[in-house]
């Protein structure tokens, strides 16, 4: 309840700030109509302000414990878009890698909240690697250990998204303060946990002795939408990518 009250107040104030930014962007778009390069930056600002406004509304829904608006979503697309955005926000000392390894990337989830989950985890990882390092996002298909086949959604298994970080700076000497860990640094992990549980999933958090952390989101598989299925009934092909 305390977290809910705090989040509710933050969401309202945050939304007011976003509206000011959006109004300023619209004014600048009119005055800089003859400068296409600056307009591209303003368009990016407007898109991200719209995304932030959507996240603010989702945060309000979280504080009221309302179910999210789930729909069948391709996890590969979400990860690829998140990676594209992260390239502009992570420092040059952090290498970003993403690997799309799942053969069944479909799950029923609120896409905006899944994107927010990945960005929250990446932000925590960035703050835990002040000296630089590697941020890895990887997808796969797996059965949740200790669960029956019916608990994995329509396909009897899960789509997993693993977000892990590795520090490039050495561990401190004995007696020195321990390095910060990425998992659970922000209140975002609380929201992530609720979003994943509402769709029948699970969140697994592991910390390593070197200060790094690995967070895995387990999302029940969903059937491939008819518009995305191939005529022969096979799943759409996937590919592995890496970016830095």
Protein backbone atom coordinates (compact mmCIF):
# COMPACT_ATOMS: atom_id res chain seq x y z
CA UNK A 1 0.00 0.00 0.00
CA UNK A 2 2.86 2.36 0.84
CA UNK A 3 4.56 1.66 -2.49
CA UNK A 4 1.23 2.19 -4.23
CA UNK A 5 0.73 5.62 -2.67
CA UNK A 6 4.26 6.68 -3.52
CA UNK A 7 3.94 5.43 -7.11
CA UNK A 8 0.60 7.16 -7.55
CA UNK A 9 2.04 10.53 -6.53
CA UNK A 10 5.12 10.05 -8.72
CA UNK A 11 2.99 9.06 -11.72
CA UNK A 12 0.79 12.17 -11.47
CA UNK A 13 3.74 14.55 -11.12
CA UNK A 14 5.65 12.73 -13.85
CA UNK A 15 2.70 13.04 -16.21
CA UNK A 16 2.55 16.81 -15.64
CA UNK A 17 6.23 17.15 -16.56
CA UNK A 18 5.70 15.06 -19.71
CA UNK A 19 2.86 17.31 -20.87
CA UNK A 20 5.12 20.38 -20.57
CA UNK A 21 7.80 18.63 -22.64
CA UNK A 22 5.28 17.63 -25.33
CA UNK A 23 3.92 21.18 -25.56
CA UNK A 24 7.43 22.60 -25.95
CA UNK A 25 8.22 20.04 -28.66
CA UNK A 26 5.14 21.06 -30.64
CA UNK A 27 6.13 24.73 -30.47
CA UNK A 28 9.67 23.96 -31.63
CA UNK A 29 8.41 21.77 -34.48
CA UNK A 30 6.51 24.74 -35.86
CA UNK A 31 9.47 27.11 -35.56
CA UNK A 32 12.07 24.69 -36.96
CA UNK A 33 10.10 23.41 -39.92
CA UNK A 34 12.96 24.35 -42.28
CA UNK A 35 15.61 22.37 -40.34
CA UNK A 36 15.03 18.64 -41.03
CA UNK A 37 17.90 17.40 -38.85
CA UNK A 38 16.55 19.16 -35.78
CA UNK A 39 13.04 17.98 -36.64
CA UNK A 40 14.26 14.38 -36.51
CA UNK A 41 15.51 14.94 -32.97
CA UNK A 42 12.22 16.57 -32.00
CA UNK A 43 10.28 13.66 -33.50
CA UNK A 44 12.34 11.26 -31.38
CA UNK A 45 11.65 13.39 -28.31
CA UNK A 46 7.93 13.36 -29.06
CA UNK A 47 7.81 9.57 -29.55
CA UNK A 48 9.61 8.95 -26.28
CA UNK A 49 7.43 11.49 -24.46
CA UNK A 50 4.38 9.58 -25.73
CA UNK A 51 5.93 6.33 -24.52
CA UNK A 52 6.63 7.92 -21.13
CA UNK A 53 3.03 9.12 -20.91
CA UNK A 54 1.86 5.58 -21.61
CA UNK A 55 4.14 4.22 -18.91
CA UNK A 56 2.75 6.78 -16.48
CA UNK A 57 -0.74 5.46 -17.12
CA UNK A 58 0.47 1.89 -16.66
CA UNK A 59 2.05 2.92 -13.36
CA UNK A 60 -1.30 4.26 -12.21
CA UNK A 61 -2.87 0.95 -13.20
CA UNK A 62 -0.20 -0.85 -11.20
CA UNK A 63 -1.02 1.14 -8.07
CA UNK A 64 -4.68 0.17 -8.46
CA UNK A 65 -3.69 -3.49 -9.02
CA UNK A 66 -5.57 -3.55 -12.33
CA UNK A 67 -4.87 -6.28 -14.90
CA UNK A 68 -2.71 -5.19 -17.81
CA UNK A 69 -3.98 -5.03 -21.39
CA UNK A 70 -2.38 -8.21 -22.73
CA UNK A 71 -2.21 -9.19 -26.39
CA UNK A 72 -0.15 -11.69 -28.36
CA UNK A 73 3.28 -10.10 -28.77
CA UNK A 74 6.51 -11.07 -30.52
CA UNK A 75 9.23 -10.92 -27.86
CA UNK A 76 11.92 -10.60 -30.55
CA UNK A 77 10.42 -7.33 -31.76
CA UNK A 78 10.27 -5.93 -28.23
CA UNK A 79 13.90 -6.86 -27.50
CA UNK A 80 15.12 -5.44 -30.83
CA UNK A 81 13.32 -2.12 -30.26
CA UNK A 82 14.58 -1.89 -26.69
CA UNK A 83 18.14 -2.53 -27.89
CA UNK A 84 17.80 0.24 -30.47
CA UNK A 85 16.70 2.71 -27.81
CA UNK A 86 19.39 1.59 -25.36
CA UNK A 87 22.14 2.32 -27.87
CA UNK A 88 21.31 6.01 -27.44
CA UNK A 89 21.11 5.93 -23.65
CA UNK A 90 23.96 3.69 -22.49
CA UNK A 91 27.45 5.11 -22.05
CA UNK A 92 30.19 4.23 -24.52
CA UNK A 93 31.90 2.13 -21.84
CA UNK A 94 29.01 -0.36 -21.85
CA UNK A 95 28.80 -2.96 -24.64
CA UNK A 96 25.26 -4.00 -25.52
CA UNK A 97 24.64 -7.50 -26.86
CA UNK A 98 21.32 -9.10 -27.72
CA UNK A 99 20.71 -12.62 -28.95
CA UNK A 100 17.35 -13.81 -30.24
CA UNK A 101 17.53 -17.52 -29.58
CA UNK A 102 13.90 -18.55 -29.07
CA UNK A 103 12.10 -20.43 -31.85
CA UNK A 104 8.67 -19.61 -30.40
CA UNK A 105 8.82 -15.89 -29.49
CA UNK A 106 5.10 -15.30 -28.96
CA UNK A 107 3.56 -14.51 -25.59
CA UNK A 108 0.45 -12.73 -24.33
CA UNK A 109 1.57 -9.62 -22.47
CA UNK A 110 1.17 -5.87 -22.34
CA UNK A 111 3.82 -4.76 -24.83
CA UNK A 112 4.39 -1.31 -23.34
CA UNK A 113 4.96 -2.77 -19.88
CA UNK A 114 7.34 -5.41 -21.23
CA UNK A 115 9.35 -2.67 -22.94
CA UNK A 116 9.38 -0.73 -19.67
CA UNK A 117 10.58 -3.83 -17.83
CA UNK A 118 13.58 -4.22 -20.13
CA UNK A 119 14.46 -0.53 -19.91
CA UNK A 120 14.23 -0.61 -16.10
CA UNK A 121 16.52 -3.63 -15.91
CA UNK A 122 18.99 -2.02 -18.32
CA UNK A 123 19.00 1.20 -16.28
CA UNK A 124 19.75 -0.75 -13.09
CA UNK A 125 22.55 -2.63 -14.85
CA UNK A 126 24.02 0.64 -16.16
CA UNK A 127 24.08 2.16 -12.67
CA UNK A 128 25.79 -0.96 -11.32
CA UNK A 129 28.60 -0.69 -13.92
CA UNK A 130 30.07 2.82 -13.45
CA UNK A 131 33.38 1.57 -14.82
CA UNK A 132 31.82 -0.03 -17.88
CA UNK A 133 31.05 -3.60 -18.82
CA UNK A 134 28.71 -5.74 -20.89
CA UNK A 135 24.92 -5.73 -20.89
CA UNK A 136 23.41 -8.85 -22.45
CA UNK A 137 19.77 -9.50 -23.42
CA UNK A 138 18.97 -13.03 -24.61
CA UNK A 139 15.76 -14.89 -25.44
CA UNK A 140 15.12 -18.62 -25.36
CA UNK A 141 12.40 -21.23 -24.91
CA UNK A 142 12.38 -23.43 -21.83
CA UNK A 143 10.23 -25.34 -19.38
CA UNK A 144 10.07 -23.81 -15.92
CA UNK A 145 11.89 -26.18 -13.51
CA UNK A 146 9.49 -28.04 -11.25
CA UNK A 147 6.36 -27.11 -13.23
CA UNK A 148 4.02 -29.25 -15.28
CA UNK A 149 3.69 -28.85 -19.05
CA UNK A 150 0.29 -27.17 -18.73
CA UNK A 151 1.76 -24.18 -16.90
CA UNK A 152 3.69 -22.96 -19.94
CA UNK A 153 0.79 -21.40 -21.79
CA UNK A 154 -0.63 -22.62 -25.09
CA UNK A 155 2.63 -24.32 -26.13
CA UNK A 156 3.57 -26.01 -22.85
CA UNK A 157 6.74 -23.94 -22.43
CA UNK A 158 7.91 -20.41 -21.72
CA UNK A 159 9.59 -17.60 -23.62
CA UNK A 160 12.46 -16.41 -21.44
CA UNK A 161 14.21 -13.05 -21.55
CA UNK A 162 17.48 -12.97 -19.67
CA UNK A 163 19.07 -9.61 -18.85
CA UNK A 164 22.55 -9.87 -17.35
CA UNK A 165 25.47 -7.55 -16.75
CA UNK A 166 29.19 -8.04 -16.34
CA UNK A 167 31.51 -5.43 -14.86
CA UNK A 168 34.78 -4.62 -16.59
CA UNK A 169 36.29 -2.94 -13.52
CA UNK A 170 38.06 -5.21 -11.00
CA UNK A 171 36.55 -6.23 -7.70
CA UNK A 172 37.56 -4.01 -4.75
CA UNK A 173 40.28 -5.07 -2.37
CA UNK A 174 39.37 -6.94 0.81
CA UNK A 175 37.73 -4.60 3.31
CA UNK A 176 36.64 -2.11 0.64
CA UNK A 177 32.91 -1.35 0.10
CA UNK A 178 31.16 -4.02 -1.95
CA UNK A 179 30.12 -3.01 -5.50
CA UNK A 180 26.52 -2.18 -6.18
CA UNK A 181 24.41 -4.92 -7.73
CA UNK A 182 21.96 -4.26 -10.51
CA UNK A 183 19.03 -6.46 -9.47
CA UNK A 184 16.44 -4.63 -7.40
CA UNK A 185 18.15 -1.24 -7.37
CA UNK A 186 14.93 0.56 -8.34
CA UNK A 187 11.24 0.16 -7.61
CA UNK A 188 10.99 -1.02 -11.23
CA UNK A 189 11.60 -4.62 -10.17
CA UNK A 190 8.42 -4.53 -8.10
CA UNK A 191 6.41 -3.46 -11.13
CA UNK A 192 8.14 -6.03 -13.34
CA UNK A 193 7.25 -8.78 -10.88
CA UNK A 194 3.57 -7.84 -10.91
CA UNK A 195 3.38 -7.52 -14.71
CA UNK A 196 4.95 -10.95 -15.25
CA UNK A 197 2.86 -12.66 -12.56
CA UNK A 198 -0.39 -11.24 -13.95
CA UNK A 199 0.21 -13.13 -17.22
CA UNK A 200 1.11 -16.35 -15.40
CA UNK A 201 4.86 -15.90 -15.57
CA UNK A 202 7.78 -15.88 -13.14
CA UNK A 203 10.80 -13.68 -12.40
CA UNK A 204 14.12 -15.27 -11.47
CA UNK A 205 16.88 -13.07 -9.97
CA UNK A 206 20.45 -14.25 -9.43
CA UNK A 207 23.35 -12.27 -8.06
CA UNK A 208 26.99 -13.15 -8.63
CA UNK A 209 29.98 -12.69 -6.29
CA UNK A 210 31.53 -10.19 -8.74
CA UNK A 211 28.63 -7.78 -8.19
CA UNK A 212 26.86 -8.63 -11.43
CA UNK A 213 23.32 -9.89 -11.69
CA UNK A 214 21.06 -11.86 -14.00
CA UNK A 215 17.28 -11.38 -14.21
CA UNK A 216 15.18 -13.84 -16.21
CA UNK A 217 11.57 -13.16 -17.16
CA UNK A 218 9.56 -16.33 -17.76
CA UNK A 219 6.54 -15.61 -19.99
CA UNK A 220 4.06 -18.34 -21.00
CA UNK A 221 4.14 -19.07 -24.73
CA UNK A 222 1.15 -18.13 -26.86
CA UNK A 223 0.01 -19.53 -30.19
CA UNK A 224 1.33 -17.84 -33.30
CA UNK A 225 -1.22 -15.33 -34.69
CA UNK A 226 -2.77 -16.57 -37.94
CA UNK A 227 -1.46 -13.52 -39.80
CA UNK A 228 2.10 -14.47 -38.81
CA UNK A 229 1.93 -18.23 -39.44
CA UNK A 230 3.43 -19.72 -42.60
CA UNK A 231 1.19 -21.63 -45.04
CA UNK A 232 2.87 -24.93 -44.14
CA UNK A 233 2.06 -24.35 -40.46
CA UNK A 234 5.68 -23.87 -39.45
CA UNK A 235 6.78 -21.15 -37.09
CA UNK A 236 8.29 -17.98 -38.55
CA UNK A 237 12.07 -18.21 -38.77
CA UNK A 238 14.19 -16.35 -36.24
CA UNK A 239 17.76 -15.17 -36.30
CA UNK A 240 20.52 -14.43 -33.83
CA UNK A 241 21.86 -10.90 -33.65
CA UNK A 242 24.48 -9.08 -31.65
CA UNK A 243 25.07 -5.36 -31.29
CA UNK A 244 27.52 -3.21 -29.43
